Protein backbone atom coordinates (compact mmCIF):
# COMPACT_ATOMS: atom_id res chain seq x y z
CA UNK A 1 96.70 158.80 151.72
CA UNK A 2 95.75 158.65 148.03
CA UNK A 3 94.57 155.36 146.63
CA UNK A 4 96.73 153.48 144.16
CA UNK A 5 95.35 153.05 140.67
CA UNK A 6 97.41 150.05 139.66
CA UNK A 7 95.14 147.61 137.77
CA UNK A 8 94.08 144.73 139.95
CA UNK A 9 95.48 141.36 138.95
CA UNK A 10 93.14 138.85 137.36
CA UNK A 11 94.84 135.99 139.18
CA UNK A 12 97.01 135.54 142.26
CA UNK A 13 100.20 133.61 141.60
CA UNK A 14 101.66 133.68 145.07
CA UNK A 15 100.91 129.99 145.56
CA UNK A 16 101.62 128.72 142.05
CA UNK A 17 103.57 125.50 142.46
CA UNK A 18 106.23 124.15 140.19
CA UNK A 19 109.24 125.71 138.49
CA UNK A 20 109.20 128.98 136.63
CA UNK A 21 109.71 128.69 132.85
CA UNK A 22 113.27 129.21 131.72
CA UNK A 23 113.99 132.68 130.47
CA UNK A 24 111.16 134.27 132.42
CA UNK A 25 113.37 135.28 135.34
CA UNK A 26 116.94 136.16 136.05
CA UNK A 27 118.35 133.41 138.25
CA UNK A 28 121.37 133.27 140.53
CA UNK A 29 122.40 131.39 143.67
CA UNK A 30 121.19 134.13 145.96
CA UNK A 31 118.62 134.18 148.72
CA UNK A 32 115.34 135.81 147.71
CA UNK A 33 114.53 139.23 149.05
CA UNK A 34 112.31 139.38 152.10
CA UNK A 35 111.96 143.14 152.28
CA UNK A 36 108.60 144.90 152.04
CA UNK A 37 107.36 145.78 148.58
CA UNK A 38 104.09 145.07 146.77
CA UNK A 39 101.88 142.09 146.11
CA UNK A 40 102.70 140.12 142.97
CA UNK A 41 100.10 139.78 140.26
CA UNK A 42 99.76 138.34 136.79
CA UNK A 43 100.97 140.02 133.65
CA UNK A 44 98.40 141.23 131.20
CA UNK A 45 100.03 139.72 128.15
CA UNK A 46 99.92 136.00 129.00
CA UNK A 47 96.53 136.29 130.67
CA UNK A 48 94.98 132.98 131.55
CA UNK A 49 98.28 131.14 131.20
CA UNK A 50 98.43 130.15 134.84
CA UNK A 51 95.88 128.54 137.17
CA UNK A 52 94.03 130.66 139.69
CA UNK A 53 94.77 129.83 143.30
CA UNK A 54 93.84 131.28 146.65
CA UNK A 55 96.30 133.51 148.50
CA UNK A 56 97.41 132.64 151.95
CA UNK A 57 94.95 133.68 154.61
CA UNK A 58 97.41 135.02 157.15
CA UNK A 59 100.46 137.04 156.21
CA UNK A 60 102.50 139.62 158.04
CA UNK A 61 103.02 143.09 156.60
CA UNK A 62 106.66 142.42 155.74
CA UNK A 63 105.66 139.21 153.94
CA UNK A 64 102.92 140.97 151.97
CA UNK A 65 104.93 141.16 148.76
CA UNK A 66 106.76 137.89 148.55
CA UNK A 67 105.86 134.67 146.76
CA UNK A 68 106.33 131.47 148.75
CA UNK A 69 109.77 130.02 149.09
CA UNK A 70 110.81 127.78 146.23
CA UNK A 71 113.86 126.47 144.48
CA UNK A 72 113.86 129.56 142.25
CA UNK A 73 115.86 132.61 143.26
CA UNK A 74 115.97 135.97 141.55
CA UNK A 75 118.89 138.28 141.05
CA UNK A 76 118.60 141.81 139.64
CA UNK A 77 120.80 142.04 136.56
CA UNK A 78 122.53 145.08 135.15
CA UNK A 79 120.03 145.22 132.31
CA UNK A 80 117.10 145.23 134.72
CA UNK A 81 118.69 147.90 136.89
CA UNK A 82 119.13 150.15 133.87
CA UNK A 83 115.62 149.65 132.55
CA UNK A 84 114.09 150.41 135.95
CA UNK A 85 116.19 153.57 136.29
CA UNK A 86 115.17 154.75 132.82
CA UNK A 87 111.49 154.00 133.43
CA UNK A 88 111.49 155.94 136.72
CA UNK A 89 113.35 158.73 134.94
CA UNK A 90 110.50 159.03 132.46
CA UNK A 91 107.50 158.43 134.74
CA UNK A 92 108.99 159.88 137.96
CA UNK A 93 107.00 157.60 140.27
CA UNK A 94 105.73 154.05 139.90
CA UNK A 95 104.90 150.93 141.82
CA UNK A 96 106.72 147.67 141.22
CA UNK A 97 103.52 146.27 139.71
CA UNK A 98 103.41 149.04 137.12
CA UNK A 99 107.09 148.66 136.30
CA UNK A 100 106.70 144.90 135.95
CA UNK A 101 103.77 145.26 133.55
CA UNK A 102 105.69 147.82 131.57
CA UNK A 103 109.15 146.29 131.53
CA UNK A 104 108.76 142.54 131.93
CA UNK A 105 105.15 141.53 131.18
CA UNK A 106 106.27 137.99 130.35
CA UNK A 107 107.51 137.42 133.91
CA UNK A 108 105.07 135.38 135.94
CA UNK A 109 104.97 138.01 138.67
CA UNK A 110 106.71 141.17 139.81
CA UNK A 111 109.17 139.50 142.19
CA UNK A 112 112.34 140.30 140.24
CA UNK A 113 111.19 143.87 139.61
CA UNK A 114 110.76 144.37 143.34
CA UNK A 115 114.12 142.85 144.08
CA UNK A 116 115.68 145.14 141.48
CA UNK A 117 114.11 148.17 143.15
CA UNK A 118 115.39 147.05 146.52
CA UNK A 119 118.87 146.50 145.10
CA UNK A 120 118.82 150.00 143.63
CA UNK A 121 117.64 151.28 146.99
CA UNK A 122 120.63 149.62 148.61
CA UNK A 123 122.86 151.46 146.13
CA UNK A 124 121.23 154.78 147.00
CA UNK A 125 119.58 155.14 143.57
CA UNK A 126 115.92 154.67 144.50
CA UNK A 127 113.76 155.16 147.56
CA UNK A 128 110.21 154.45 148.65
CA UNK A 129 108.28 157.70 148.63
CA UNK A 130 105.13 156.37 150.28
CA UNK A 131 103.00 153.29 150.72
CA UNK A 132 99.62 153.55 149.04
CA UNK A 133 96.33 152.52 150.59
CA UNK A 134 96.44 149.32 148.57
CA UNK A 135 99.72 148.35 150.24
CA UNK A 136 101.81 149.01 147.13
CA UNK A 137 105.03 150.91 147.64
CA UNK A 138 105.58 153.96 145.48
CA UNK A 139 109.15 154.20 144.21
CA UNK A 140 111.06 157.27 143.04
CA UNK A 141 114.65 158.10 142.14
CA UNK A 142 117.05 159.67 144.57
CA UNK A 143 119.16 162.58 143.43
CA UNK A 144 121.95 160.13 142.66
CA UNK A 145 119.58 157.86 140.74
CA UNK A 146 118.14 160.82 138.85
CA UNK A 147 121.59 161.78 137.60
CA UNK A 148 122.33 158.21 136.52
CA UNK A 149 118.95 157.87 134.77
CA UNK A 150 119.64 161.08 132.86
CA UNK A 151 122.89 159.58 131.56
CA UNK A 152 121.10 156.40 130.50
CA UNK A 153 118.21 158.07 128.68
CA UNK A 154 118.64 159.21 125.06
CA UNK A 155 118.88 162.96 124.67
CA UNK A 156 115.61 162.91 122.74
CA UNK A 157 113.74 161.64 125.83
CA UNK A 158 112.82 164.21 128.45
CA UNK A 159 113.56 163.14 132.01
CA UNK A 160 110.92 163.95 134.62
CA UNK A 161 111.57 166.26 137.56
CA UNK A 162 113.32 164.92 140.63
CA UNK A 163 111.10 164.12 143.61
CA UNK A 164 113.13 165.63 146.43
CA UNK A 165 113.07 164.10 149.87
CA UNK A 166 111.58 166.43 152.48
CA UNK A 167 112.34 166.50 156.20
CA UNK A 168 110.41 167.72 159.18
CA UNK A 169 111.71 170.14 161.82
CA UNK A 170 113.47 167.29 163.63
CA UNK A 171 115.27 166.15 160.50
CA UNK A 172 113.16 163.06 159.94
CA UNK A 173 112.03 162.16 156.37
CA UNK A 174 108.47 163.20 155.65
CA UNK A 175 106.34 160.67 153.81
CA UNK A 176 105.10 162.27 150.61
CA UNK A 177 101.43 162.37 149.73
CA UNK A 178 101.54 164.03 146.33
CA UNK A 179 100.83 160.92 144.27
CA UNK A 180 97.28 161.45 143.11
CA UNK A 181 95.06 159.00 141.32
CA UNK A 182 95.49 160.76 137.99
CA UNK A 183 99.26 160.26 138.08
CA UNK A 184 98.70 156.59 138.98
CA UNK A 185 96.28 156.15 136.09
CA UNK A 186 98.74 157.74 133.65
CA UNK A 187 101.54 155.35 134.65
CA UNK A 188 99.16 152.37 134.65
CA UNK A 189 97.99 153.28 131.14
CA UNK A 190 101.56 153.31 129.86
CA UNK A 191 102.21 150.04 131.66
CA UNK A 192 99.29 148.10 130.19
CA UNK A 193 99.92 149.41 126.67
CA UNK A 194 103.62 148.60 126.82
CA UNK A 195 102.79 145.16 128.20
CA UNK A 196 100.51 144.60 125.19
CA UNK A 197 103.33 145.31 122.75
CA UNK A 198 102.88 149.01 122.08
CA UNK A 199 106.47 150.14 122.09
CA UNK A 200 108.87 150.15 125.02
CA UNK A 201 109.21 152.41 128.06
CA UNK A 202 111.42 154.63 125.90
CA UNK A 203 108.46 155.00 123.53
CA UNK A 204 106.70 157.16 126.11
CA UNK A 205 107.05 160.74 127.23
CA UNK A 206 104.93 162.63 129.71
CA UNK A 207 103.56 166.16 129.74
CA UNK A 208 104.84 167.13 126.29
CA UNK A 209 104.02 170.77 125.51
CA UNK A 210 102.11 171.87 122.39
CA UNK A 211 102.37 175.66 122.35
CA UNK A 212 99.70 177.69 120.59
CA UNK A 213 100.08 181.21 119.19
CA UNK A 214 97.32 182.62 121.39
CA UNK A 215 99.38 181.99 124.53
CA UNK A 216 98.03 178.61 125.62
CA UNK A 217 100.10 175.42 125.94
CA UNK A 218 98.33 172.09 125.65
CA UNK A 219 100.17 169.36 127.55
CA UNK A 220 99.62 165.70 126.62
CA UNK A 221 99.45 163.29 129.56
CA UNK A 222 101.34 160.75 127.46
CA UNK A 223 102.86 160.56 124.00
CA UNK A 224 103.42 157.10 122.58
CA UNK A 225 105.57 156.03 119.66
CA UNK A 226 105.11 152.41 118.63
CA UNK A 227 105.84 152.12 114.88
CA UNK A 228 106.39 148.36 115.12
CA UNK A 229 102.81 148.03 116.39
CA UNK A 230 101.43 150.22 113.60
CA UNK A 231 101.14 153.39 115.70
CA UNK A 232 104.01 155.75 114.80
CA UNK A 233 102.66 158.32 117.25
CA UNK A 234 99.66 158.82 119.51
CA UNK A 235 98.72 161.38 122.16
CA UNK A 236 96.89 160.11 125.24
CA UNK A 237 94.72 161.95 127.74
CA UNK A 238 93.82 160.08 130.94
CA UNK A 239 90.51 161.18 132.46
CA UNK A 240 89.16 160.03 135.80
CA UNK A 241 85.64 161.27 135.03
CA UNK A 242 86.27 164.38 137.06
CA UNK A 243 86.67 167.14 134.47
CA UNK A 244 83.67 168.69 132.67
CA UNK A 245 83.19 167.25 129.19
CA UNK A 246 83.57 170.78 127.85
CA UNK A 247 87.18 170.73 129.07
CA UNK A 248 87.86 167.56 127.07
CA UNK A 249 86.34 169.18 123.98
CA UNK A 250 88.58 172.21 124.53
CA UNK A 251 91.59 169.89 124.58
CA UNK A 252 90.60 168.49 121.20
CA UNK A 253 90.03 171.98 119.86
CA UNK A 254 93.50 173.06 120.98
CA UNK A 255 95.09 169.92 119.53
CA UNK A 256 93.30 170.61 116.24
CA UNK A 257 94.53 174.22 116.29
CA UNK A 258 98.08 173.03 116.93
CA UNK A 259 97.94 170.47 114.11
CA UNK A 260 96.96 173.24 111.71
CA UNK A 261 99.91 175.49 112.54
CA UNK A 262 102.20 176.12 109.60
CA UNK A 263 105.79 175.01 109.92
CA UNK A 264 108.46 177.72 110.08
CA UNK A 265 109.29 179.04 106.61
CA UNK A 266 106.36 177.12 105.07
CA UNK A 267 104.97 178.79 101.95
CA UNK A 268 101.48 179.94 102.99
CA UNK A 269 100.47 180.61 99.37
CA UNK A 270 101.23 177.01 98.43
CA UNK A 271 99.75 175.62 101.63
CA UNK A 272 96.37 177.30 101.10
CA UNK A 273 95.29 175.29 98.01
CA UNK A 274 96.90 172.04 99.21
CA UNK A 275 94.53 169.10 99.57
CA UNK A 276 94.74 165.56 100.89
CA UNK A 277 98.06 164.26 102.21
CA UNK A 278 99.85 167.28 100.71
CA UNK A 279 98.34 169.40 103.50
CA UNK A 280 100.62 167.86 106.10
CA UNK A 281 103.81 168.75 104.25
CA UNK A 282 103.30 172.38 105.31
CA UNK A 283 102.32 171.73 108.94
CA UNK A 284 104.46 172.09 112.06
CA UNK A 285 103.39 168.73 113.51
CA UNK A 286 104.93 166.83 110.61
CA UNK A 287 108.33 168.23 111.64
CA UNK A 288 107.90 166.88 115.19
CA UNK A 289 105.93 163.66 114.88
CA UNK A 290 106.43 160.92 112.28
CA UNK A 291 103.92 160.37 109.50
CA UNK A 292 100.94 158.44 110.81
CA UNK A 293 100.66 156.12 107.81
CA UNK A 294 96.95 156.98 107.66
CA UNK A 295 94.85 159.99 106.77
CA UNK A 296 94.48 162.63 109.43
CA UNK A 297 96.54 164.20 112.17
CA UNK A 298 98.28 162.36 115.00
CA UNK A 299 95.55 160.34 116.78
CA UNK A 300 94.37 161.32 120.24
CA UNK A 301 93.23 158.67 122.73
CA UNK A 302 91.09 159.34 125.81
CA UNK A 303 91.57 156.71 128.51
CA UNK A 304 88.72 156.90 131.02
CA UNK A 305 88.88 155.35 134.47
CA UNK A 306 87.11 155.61 137.79
CA UNK A 307 83.47 156.10 138.79
CA UNK A 308 81.02 153.57 137.33
CA UNK A 309 80.88 151.91 133.90
CA UNK A 310 77.62 153.75 133.18
CA UNK A 311 79.21 157.11 134.01
CA UNK A 312 82.19 156.38 131.78
CA UNK A 313 79.89 155.33 128.94
CA UNK A 314 77.81 158.48 129.32
CA UNK A 315 80.97 160.58 129.26
CA UNK A 316 82.18 158.97 126.03
CA UNK A 317 78.83 159.61 124.34
CA UNK A 318 78.73 163.25 125.41
CA UNK A 319 82.31 163.77 124.21
CA UNK A 320 81.37 162.19 120.89
CA UNK A 321 78.42 164.50 120.42
CA UNK A 322 80.23 167.69 121.45
CA UNK A 323 83.53 167.13 119.60
CA UNK A 324 82.22 165.88 116.25
CA UNK A 325 83.56 168.91 114.40
CA UNK A 326 87.15 167.85 115.18
CA UNK A 327 87.05 164.14 114.30
CA UNK A 328 84.20 163.64 111.81
CA UNK A 329 86.02 164.65 108.61
CA UNK A 330 84.45 166.27 105.56
CA UNK A 331 83.12 165.27 102.13
CA UNK A 332 85.81 165.03 99.48
CA UNK A 333 86.09 168.24 97.41
CA UNK A 334 84.02 167.99 94.23
CA UNK A 335 82.54 164.62 95.15
CA UNK A 336 79.09 164.09 93.71
CA UNK A 337 76.27 161.62 94.14
CA UNK A 338 77.28 158.15 95.19
CA UNK A 339 80.42 159.29 97.09
CA UNK A 340 79.97 158.51 100.78
CA UNK A 341 83.69 158.34 101.63
CA UNK A 342 85.00 160.80 104.22
CA UNK A 343 88.05 163.04 103.86
CA UNK A 344 89.94 162.61 107.15
CA UNK A 345 93.13 164.39 106.12
CA UNK A 346 92.36 167.44 108.26
CA UNK A 347 90.58 165.63 111.08
CA UNK A 348 91.85 164.40 114.46
CA UNK A 349 91.35 160.62 114.81
CA UNK A 350 89.93 160.20 118.32
CA UNK A 351 89.71 156.83 120.07
CA UNK A 352 88.42 156.11 123.55
CA UNK A 353 88.88 153.24 125.98
CA UNK A 354 88.63 152.45 129.69
CA UNK A 355 91.46 151.30 131.91
CA UNK A 356 89.02 148.88 133.54
CA UNK A 357 88.07 147.47 130.13
CA UNK A 358 91.73 146.96 129.20
CA UNK A 359 92.63 145.15 132.40
CA UNK A 360 89.52 142.93 132.17
CA UNK A 361 90.20 141.84 128.59
CA UNK A 362 92.33 138.66 128.21
CA UNK A 363 94.32 140.37 125.46
CA UNK A 364 94.70 143.59 127.41
CA UNK A 365 95.28 146.70 125.32
CA UNK A 366 95.84 144.49 122.27
CA UNK A 367 92.20 143.35 122.38
CA UNK A 368 89.03 144.91 121.03
CA UNK A 369 88.95 147.56 123.76
CA UNK A 370 89.08 150.71 121.62
CA UNK A 371 86.25 152.67 120.03
CA UNK A 372 86.74 155.30 117.36
CA UNK A 373 84.45 158.24 117.94
CA UNK A 374 81.89 158.18 115.16
CA UNK A 375 81.65 154.37 115.22
CA UNK A 376 79.68 152.03 117.42
CA UNK A 377 81.78 148.86 117.57
CA UNK A 378 84.71 148.14 119.86
CA UNK A 379 87.83 147.27 117.87
CA UNK A 380 91.54 146.68 118.23
CA UNK A 381 93.61 149.85 118.16
CA UNK A 382 94.82 149.13 114.62
CA UNK A 383 91.24 148.67 113.40
CA UNK A 384 90.03 151.76 115.24
CA UNK A 385 92.74 153.96 113.72
CA UNK A 386 92.20 152.57 110.23
CA UNK A 387 90.06 154.51 107.76
CA UNK A 388 88.20 151.99 105.58
CA UNK A 389 85.72 154.74 104.71
CA UNK A 390 88.47 157.22 103.76
CA UNK A 391 90.88 157.27 100.83
CA UNK A 392 90.46 153.58 99.98
CA UNK A 393 86.68 153.81 99.77
CA UNK A 394 86.96 157.10 97.90
CA UNK A 395 89.17 155.47 95.28
CA UNK A 396 86.67 152.65 94.80
CA UNK A 397 83.65 154.97 94.73
CA UNK A 398 85.37 157.42 92.39
CA UNK A 399 86.09 154.60 89.94
CA UNK A 400 82.50 153.41 90.24
CA UNK A 401 81.26 156.97 89.65
CA UNK A 402 83.55 157.30 86.63
CA UNK A 403 82.20 154.04 85.23
CA UNK A 404 78.58 155.08 85.83
CA UNK A 405 79.20 158.42 84.15
CA UNK A 406 80.75 156.69 81.16
CA UNK A 407 77.77 154.37 80.96
CA UNK A 408 75.33 157.31 81.08
CA UNK A 409 77.25 159.15 78.40
CA UNK A 410 77.39 156.02 76.27
CA UNK A 411 73.62 155.54 76.66
CA UNK A 412 72.94 159.16 75.74
CA UNK A 413 75.18 158.88 72.69
CA UNK A 414 73.53 155.62 71.69
CA UNK A 415 70.14 157.31 71.86
CA UNK A 416 71.39 159.85 69.29
CA UNK A 417 72.86 157.25 66.91
CA UNK A 418 71.28 157.64 63.40
CA UNK A 419 69.11 154.90 61.91
CA UNK A 420 69.29 153.93 58.23
CA UNK A 421 66.34 155.32 56.31
CA UNK A 422 66.41 152.31 54.05
CA UNK A 423 66.87 149.19 56.20
CA UNK A 424 66.34 150.63 59.69
CA UNK A 425 69.74 149.50 61.01
CA UNK A 426 71.78 151.74 63.35
CA UNK A 427 74.84 153.39 61.94
CA UNK A 428 78.20 151.92 62.85
CA UNK A 429 80.68 154.22 64.64
CA UNK A 430 82.72 154.53 61.42
CA UNK A 431 79.66 155.37 59.31
CA UNK A 432 78.42 157.86 61.92
CA UNK A 433 81.84 159.52 62.11
CA UNK A 434 82.07 159.68 58.29
CA UNK A 435 78.90 161.72 57.91
CA UNK A 436 79.21 163.96 60.99
CA UNK A 437 80.37 167.49 60.27
CA UNK A 438 80.20 167.13 56.50
CA UNK A 439 78.73 170.04 54.55
CA UNK A 440 76.58 167.55 52.64
CA UNK A 441 75.07 166.10 55.80
CA UNK A 442 71.34 165.82 55.32
CA UNK A 443 71.43 164.56 51.74
CA UNK A 444 69.57 161.40 50.84
CA UNK A 445 72.70 159.23 50.89
CA UNK A 446 73.72 160.49 54.34
CA UNK A 447 70.64 158.83 55.79
CA UNK A 448 71.82 155.40 54.68
CA UNK A 449 73.96 152.97 56.61
CA UNK A 450 77.23 151.79 55.10
CA UNK A 451 75.67 148.62 53.67
CA UNK A 452 72.82 150.50 52.05
CA UNK A 453 75.25 153.11 50.72
CA UNK A 454 77.29 150.33 49.13
CA UNK A 455 74.15 148.76 47.69
CA UNK A 456 72.96 152.12 46.40
CA UNK A 457 76.38 152.76 44.88
CA UNK A 458 76.30 149.34 43.21
CA UNK A 459 72.86 149.99 41.80
CA UNK A 460 73.90 153.40 40.55
CA UNK A 461 77.01 151.91 38.92
CA UNK A 462 74.92 149.16 37.28
CA UNK A 463 72.45 151.72 36.00
CA UNK A 464 75.32 153.82 34.66
CA UNK A 465 76.81 150.83 32.87
CA UNK A 466 73.42 149.91 31.49
CA UNK A 467 72.93 153.45 30.20
CA UNK A 468 76.36 153.44 28.63
CA UNK A 469 75.63 150.12 26.96
CA UNK A 470 72.29 151.39 25.72
CA UNK A 471 73.87 154.59 24.50
CA UNK A 472 76.65 152.60 22.84
CA UNK A 473 74.14 150.27 21.17
CA UNK A 474 72.07 153.22 20.01
CA UNK A 475 75.18 154.89 18.60
CA UNK A 476 76.06 151.71 16.74
CA UNK A 477 72.54 151.49 15.37
CA UNK A 478 72.66 155.09 14.19
CA UNK A 479 76.07 154.54 12.63
CA UNK A 480 74.94 151.45 10.85
CA UNK A 481 71.84 153.24 9.58
CA UNK A 482 73.96 156.11 8.33
CA UNK A 483 76.28 153.71 6.60
CA UNK A 484 73.41 151.88 4.89
CA UNK A 485 71.93 155.12 3.64
CA UNK A 486 75.25 156.25 2.22
CA UNK A 487 75.72 152.95 0.36
CA UNK A 488 72.23 153.11 -1.12
CA UNK A 489 72.76 156.58 -2.47
CA UNK A 490 76.02 155.53 -4.11
CA UNK A 491 74.38 152.64 -5.93
CA UNK A 492 71.62 154.80 -7.33
CA UNK A 493 74.10 157.25 -8.81
CA UNK A 494 76.02 154.50 -10.38
């Protein structure tokens, strides 16, 4: 029988004494369920909130799932019934542990989720498909439950296929064995992300088709929409370290090809010269997925699980090396020296993580458990998807480049500024502008600064006045001499 991939709990709460906090559980005066289900475990969100205790040493199979008797009782409510039906409608199969982490991560354990499943089973809406090697029961919808889940789900959410009950030749139900570890890892991934605050169960869809014009359809294991958490959309691929790395690179190539498809009726002539964010206005994906709020296409996340930590690390490095063309971005068009920013507008943001890393981190998927391909550090998802070296850095570097260019041009202009041939001072901007382009440029006065020109003009004016005074005095002298000569001649004749 296939092994269950539900993340192992960090703590066992089956012997936690004391009352349960108000609001954490639905309560009613009803005896607790004693039917078989799965072992309770801690939620990922409030990790470390409860003391670690040892489980009981001897327990029967039917008592495997149940916390010890206490004054608390749990009653499945209508709201819980509906949310479980909808979650199974989306994910098809899940354990109570996965549903608890996904739907009610603030509950101290999965007791009420299990009781809800059993209540739905009593109503003919759910059934146990198989018991996994770990002891967890795998739950699915009955045909009746599938119909009800379809009515509850929004029309925009695709319901998964019904898992039909099979019978042997004697009419006895056959225990299914089709739940493989990949399917378990996919559901567990959605569970731990939802438990960390990334959307709700209705934020997820499975096996969404991305059809390509060359006849291939790329299916995403999961699509997540969590705008309140800063991730309007993300595509997830869960890999159990079983596929060749080349297959993962091919997935990225096909996603990149799909992101570049033009939308119906898009103007190809206008799309061709488009740059930056304007590129996406012409693309098909922008009609299907919301704007990412960042540069680039819808991000793709690879969630690795299984094998050893060293094997997973090696796989991430080989994927990073082989797929660089799809996530690395390009230099900004026309950027010159000093511009190190990267244009991510036509790149696929790719982040990687490990399911084991998420479940081991106290903050779960909200912690620094994500790595953006092309970077070395582990970051939160918001940090990993951010582009500090993209448009923001480009804006800063472009302004710095503009300022440096202006400084160079100013220095070159200053080196050409004329110097006064008289006093050696540099021309002012006004003086330089007044002599540039004049036909008389090059004359003696054009080589003088404004002060020296004024001084030269004053000297010339003084010299002119002095000449005029001299000329006037000379004229007076001549006139007086002429007058004296005329008077002398008159006296002699008289």
